[in-house]
């Protein structure tokens, strides 16, 4: 069981993303880097990013060199989203999630990520929050 935001958790996300054929097909024409910033966690601030490159989806710890979009949220919001208790859209609508960067690019590719919850469900089920 990996702890939320720990390096082992990021490795598990990366494995899940890389093993999902549906995600690979859905993102075949997508080129996007999404940065996640989590503020005020028990171990301090944390960052990781998702690189989508023509069907290859990889999750890496730390900050991306040139993210297209950055999501910033406090730790409680990130946990609620991670557990599936709150959607990113709902968090954004109530001001708990800030989105910076090329939002238009993100919106153009939104349909490619419709089933991403299914991709990461096994990780969510074994994550220690």
C-alpha atoms as a PDB file:
ATOM      1  CA  UNK A   1       0.000   0.000   0.000  1.00  0.00           C
ATOM      2  CA  UNK A   2       1.555   3.289  -1.108  1.00  0.00           C
ATOM      3  CA  UNK A   3       1.110   6.571   0.735  1.00  0.00           C
ATOM      4  CA  UNK A   4      -0.591   9.372  -1.231  1.00  0.00           C
ATOM      5  CA  UNK A   5       1.981  11.535  -3.056  1.00  0.00           C
ATOM      6  CA  UNK A   6       4.942   9.368  -1.995  1.00  0.00           C
ATOM      7  CA  UNK A   7       7.427   8.318  -4.705  1.00  0.00           C
ATOM      8  CA  UNK A   8       6.062   4.740  -4.595  1.00  0.00           C
ATOM      9  CA  UNK A   9       2.541   6.066  -5.228  1.00  0.00           C
ATOM     10  CA  UNK A  10       3.751   7.967  -8.285  1.00  0.00           C
ATOM     11  CA  UNK A  11       5.404   4.781  -9.575  1.00  0.00           C
ATOM     12  CA  UNK A  12       2.073   2.959  -9.160  1.00  0.00           C
ATOM     13  CA  UNK A  13       0.243   5.699 -11.086  1.00  0.00           C
ATOM     14  CA  UNK A  14       2.838   5.472 -13.840  1.00  0.00           C
ATOM     15  CA  UNK A  15       2.474   1.686 -14.080  1.00  0.00           C
ATOM     16  CA  UNK A  16      -1.337   1.934 -14.215  1.00  0.00           C
ATOM     17  CA  UNK A  17      -1.205   4.585 -16.937  1.00  0.00           C
ATOM     18  CA  UNK A  18       1.300   2.624 -18.997  1.00  0.00           C
ATOM     19  CA  UNK A  19      -0.695  -0.595 -18.761  1.00  0.00           C
ATOM     20  CA  UNK A  20      -4.057   0.824 -19.845  1.00  0.00           C
ATOM     21  CA  UNK A  21      -4.673   0.099 -23.540  1.00  0.00           C
ATOM     22  CA  UNK A  22      -7.883   2.150 -23.488  1.00  0.00           C
ATOM     23  CA  UNK A  23      -6.026   5.204 -22.228  1.00  0.00           C
ATOM     24  CA  UNK A  24      -3.325   4.640 -24.836  1.00  0.00           C
ATOM     25  CA  UNK A  25      -5.932   4.561 -27.634  1.00  0.00           C
ATOM     26  CA  UNK A  26      -7.862   7.543 -26.248  1.00  0.00           C
ATOM     27  CA  UNK A  27      -4.729   9.690 -26.084  1.00  0.00           C
ATOM     28  CA  UNK A  28      -3.191   8.613 -29.398  1.00  0.00           C
ATOM     29  CA  UNK A  29      -3.436  12.142 -30.820  1.00  0.00           C
ATOM     30  CA  UNK A  30      -2.849  14.041 -27.564  1.00  0.00           C
ATOM     31  CA  UNK A  31       0.333  15.914 -26.658  1.00  0.00           C
ATOM     32  CA  UNK A  32      -0.033  17.496 -23.221  1.00  0.00           C
ATOM     33  CA  UNK A  33       1.890  17.947 -19.967  1.00  0.00           C
ATOM     34  CA  UNK A  34      -0.206  18.407 -16.822  1.00  0.00           C
ATOM     35  CA  UNK A  35       1.487  19.589 -13.642  1.00  0.00           C
ATOM     36  CA  UNK A  36      -0.088  18.803 -10.255  1.00  0.00           C
ATOM     37  CA  UNK A  37       0.818  21.021  -7.293  1.00  0.00           C
ATOM     38  CA  UNK A  38      -0.405  19.991  -3.834  1.00  0.00           C
ATOM     39  CA  UNK A  39       0.067  22.615  -1.150  1.00  0.00           C
ATOM     40  CA  UNK A  40       0.321  22.129   2.598  1.00  0.00           C
ATOM     41  CA  UNK A  41       0.542  18.359   2.944  1.00  0.00           C
ATOM     42  CA  UNK A  42       1.827  16.593   6.046  1.00  0.00           C
ATOM     43  CA  UNK A  43       5.262  16.343   4.393  1.00  0.00           C
ATOM     44  CA  UNK A  44       5.096  19.830   2.856  1.00  0.00           C
ATOM     45  CA  UNK A  45       4.222  20.760  -0.702  1.00  0.00           C
ATOM     46  CA  UNK A  46       4.326  18.057  -3.374  1.00  0.00           C
ATOM     47  CA  UNK A  47       4.493  18.063  -7.168  1.00  0.00           C
ATOM     48  CA  UNK A  48       4.096  15.500  -9.895  1.00  0.00           C
ATOM     49  CA  UNK A  49       3.271  15.674 -13.578  1.00  0.00           C
ATOM     50  CA  UNK A  50       1.625  13.614 -16.279  1.00  0.00           C
ATOM     51  CA  UNK A  51       3.125  13.546 -19.768  1.00  0.00           C
ATOM     52  CA  UNK A  52       0.805  12.504 -22.581  1.00  0.00           C
ATOM     53  CA  UNK A  53       2.655  12.044 -25.857  1.00  0.00           C
ATOM     54  CA  UNK A  54       0.735  10.434 -28.689  1.00  0.00           C
ATOM     55  CA  UNK A  55      -0.681   7.529 -26.700  1.00  0.00           C
ATOM     56  CA  UNK A  56       2.175   7.218 -24.257  1.00  0.00           C
ATOM     57  CA  UNK A  57       1.097   8.333 -20.783  1.00  0.00           C
ATOM     58  CA  UNK A  58       3.695   8.634 -18.034  1.00  0.00           C
ATOM     59  CA  UNK A  59       3.572   9.982 -14.482  1.00  0.00           C
ATOM     60  CA  UNK A  60       6.704  11.542 -12.961  1.00  0.00           C
ATOM     61  CA  UNK A  61       7.544  13.021  -9.587  1.00  0.00           C
ATOM     62  CA  UNK A  62       8.526  16.663  -9.338  1.00  0.00           C
ATOM     63  CA  UNK A  63       7.866  19.621 -11.562  1.00  0.00           C
ATOM     64  CA  UNK A  64       7.700  19.474 -15.343  1.00  0.00           C
ATOM     65  CA  UNK A  65      10.087  21.658 -17.284  1.00  0.00           C
ATOM     66  CA  UNK A  66       7.326  23.246 -19.389  1.00  0.00           C
ATOM     67  CA  UNK A  67       3.823  22.163 -18.361  1.00  0.00           C
ATOM     68  CA  UNK A  68       0.905  23.063 -20.606  1.00  0.00           C
ATOM     69  CA  UNK A  69      -1.516  23.174 -17.678  1.00  0.00           C
ATOM     70  CA  UNK A  70      -0.973  23.348 -13.911  1.00  0.00           C
ATOM     71  CA  UNK A  71      -3.503  22.265 -11.301  1.00  0.00           C
ATOM     72  CA  UNK A  72      -2.920  23.688  -7.823  1.00  0.00           C
ATOM     73  CA  UNK A  73      -4.874  22.581  -4.775  1.00  0.00           C
ATOM     74  CA  UNK A  74      -4.451  22.193  -1.051  1.00  0.00           C
ATOM     75  CA  UNK A  75      -3.774  18.767   0.407  1.00  0.00           C
ATOM     76  CA  UNK A  76      -7.349  18.216   1.653  1.00  0.00           C
ATOM     77  CA  UNK A  77      -8.730  18.921  -1.823  1.00  0.00           C
ATOM     78  CA  UNK A  78      -6.163  16.632  -3.465  1.00  0.00           C
ATOM     79  CA  UNK A  79      -7.087  13.830  -1.055  1.00  0.00           C
ATOM     80  CA  UNK A  80     -10.819  14.281  -1.746  1.00  0.00           C
ATOM     81  CA  UNK A  81     -10.185  14.175  -5.505  1.00  0.00           C
ATOM     82  CA  UNK A  82      -7.823  11.215  -5.126  1.00  0.00           C
ATOM     83  CA  UNK A  83     -10.403   9.247  -3.142  1.00  0.00           C
ATOM     84  CA  UNK A  84     -13.083  10.002  -5.709  1.00  0.00           C
ATOM     85  CA  UNK A  85     -15.128  11.996  -3.195  1.00  0.00           C
ATOM     86  CA  UNK A  86     -14.818  15.242  -5.189  1.00  0.00           C
ATOM     87  CA  UNK A  87     -14.347  15.747  -8.908  1.00  0.00           C
ATOM     88  CA  UNK A  88     -11.704  18.107 -10.194  1.00  0.00           C
ATOM     89  CA  UNK A  89     -14.466  20.021 -11.996  1.00  0.00           C
ATOM     90  CA  UNK A  90     -16.445  20.499  -8.773  1.00  0.00           C
ATOM     91  CA  UNK A  91     -13.295  21.547  -6.895  1.00  0.00           C
ATOM     92  CA  UNK A  92     -12.580  24.117  -9.603  1.00  0.00           C
ATOM     93  CA  UNK A  93     -16.145  25.449  -9.523  1.00  0.00           C
ATOM     94  CA  UNK A  94     -16.010  26.127  -5.774  1.00  0.00           C
ATOM     95  CA  UNK A  95     -12.507  27.624  -5.855  1.00  0.00           C
ATOM     96  CA  UNK A  96     -10.623  24.720  -4.268  1.00  0.00           C
ATOM     97  CA  UNK A  97      -8.631  23.958  -7.447  1.00  0.00           C
ATOM     98  CA  UNK A  98      -6.784  26.563  -9.514  1.00  0.00           C
ATOM     99  CA  UNK A  99      -6.011  25.894 -13.167  1.00  0.00           C
ATOM    100  CA  UNK A 100      -3.250  27.823 -14.946  1.00  0.00           C
ATOM    101  CA  UNK A 101      -1.822  27.555 -18.440  1.00  0.00           C
ATOM    102  CA  UNK A 102      -3.412  26.562 -21.729  1.00  0.00           C
ATOM    103  CA  UNK A 103      -6.901  25.648 -20.538  1.00  0.00           C
ATOM    104  CA  UNK A 104      -8.104  25.605 -24.155  1.00  0.00           C
ATOM    105  CA  UNK A 105      -5.660  22.799 -24.966  1.00  0.00           C
ATOM    106  CA  UNK A 106      -6.885  20.873 -21.944  1.00  0.00           C
ATOM    107  CA  UNK A 107     -10.518  21.348 -22.969  1.00  0.00           C
ATOM    108  CA  UNK A 108      -9.837  20.213 -26.556  1.00  0.00           C
ATOM    109  CA  UNK A 109      -8.566  16.910 -25.190  1.00  0.00           C
ATOM    110  CA  UNK A 110     -10.998  16.498 -22.280  1.00  0.00           C
ATOM    111  CA  UNK A 111     -12.827  13.545 -23.865  1.00  0.00           C
ATOM    112  CA  UNK A 112      -9.579  11.557 -24.006  1.00  0.00           C
ATOM    113  CA  UNK A 113      -9.526  11.531 -20.205  1.00  0.00           C
ATOM    114  CA  UNK A 114     -13.157  10.580 -19.557  1.00  0.00           C
ATOM    115  CA  UNK A 115     -12.195   7.142 -18.245  1.00  0.00           C
ATOM    116  CA  UNK A 116      -9.047   8.111 -16.358  1.00  0.00           C
ATOM    117  CA  UNK A 117     -10.768   7.282 -13.056  1.00  0.00           C
ATOM    118  CA  UNK A 118     -11.008   3.685 -14.253  1.00  0.00           C
ATOM    119  CA  UNK A 119      -7.299   3.695 -15.074  1.00  0.00           C
ATOM    120  CA  UNK A 120      -6.317   4.741 -11.572  1.00  0.00           C
ATOM    121  CA  UNK A 121      -9.040   2.899  -9.601  1.00  0.00           C
ATOM    122  CA  UNK A 122      -6.683   0.051  -8.572  1.00  0.00           C
ATOM    123  CA  UNK A 123      -4.164   2.589  -7.257  1.00  0.00           C
ATOM    124  CA  UNK A 124      -6.885   4.508  -5.412  1.00  0.00           C
ATOM    125  CA  UNK A 125      -8.056   1.287  -3.774  1.00  0.00           C
ATOM    126  CA  UNK A 126      -4.629   0.613  -2.295  1.00  0.00           C
ATOM    127  CA  UNK A 127      -3.567   4.176  -1.444  1.00  0.00           C
ATOM    128  CA  UNK A 128      -3.017   5.199   2.152  1.00  0.00           C
ATOM    129  CA  UNK A 129      -4.367   8.707   2.587  1.00  0.00           C
END
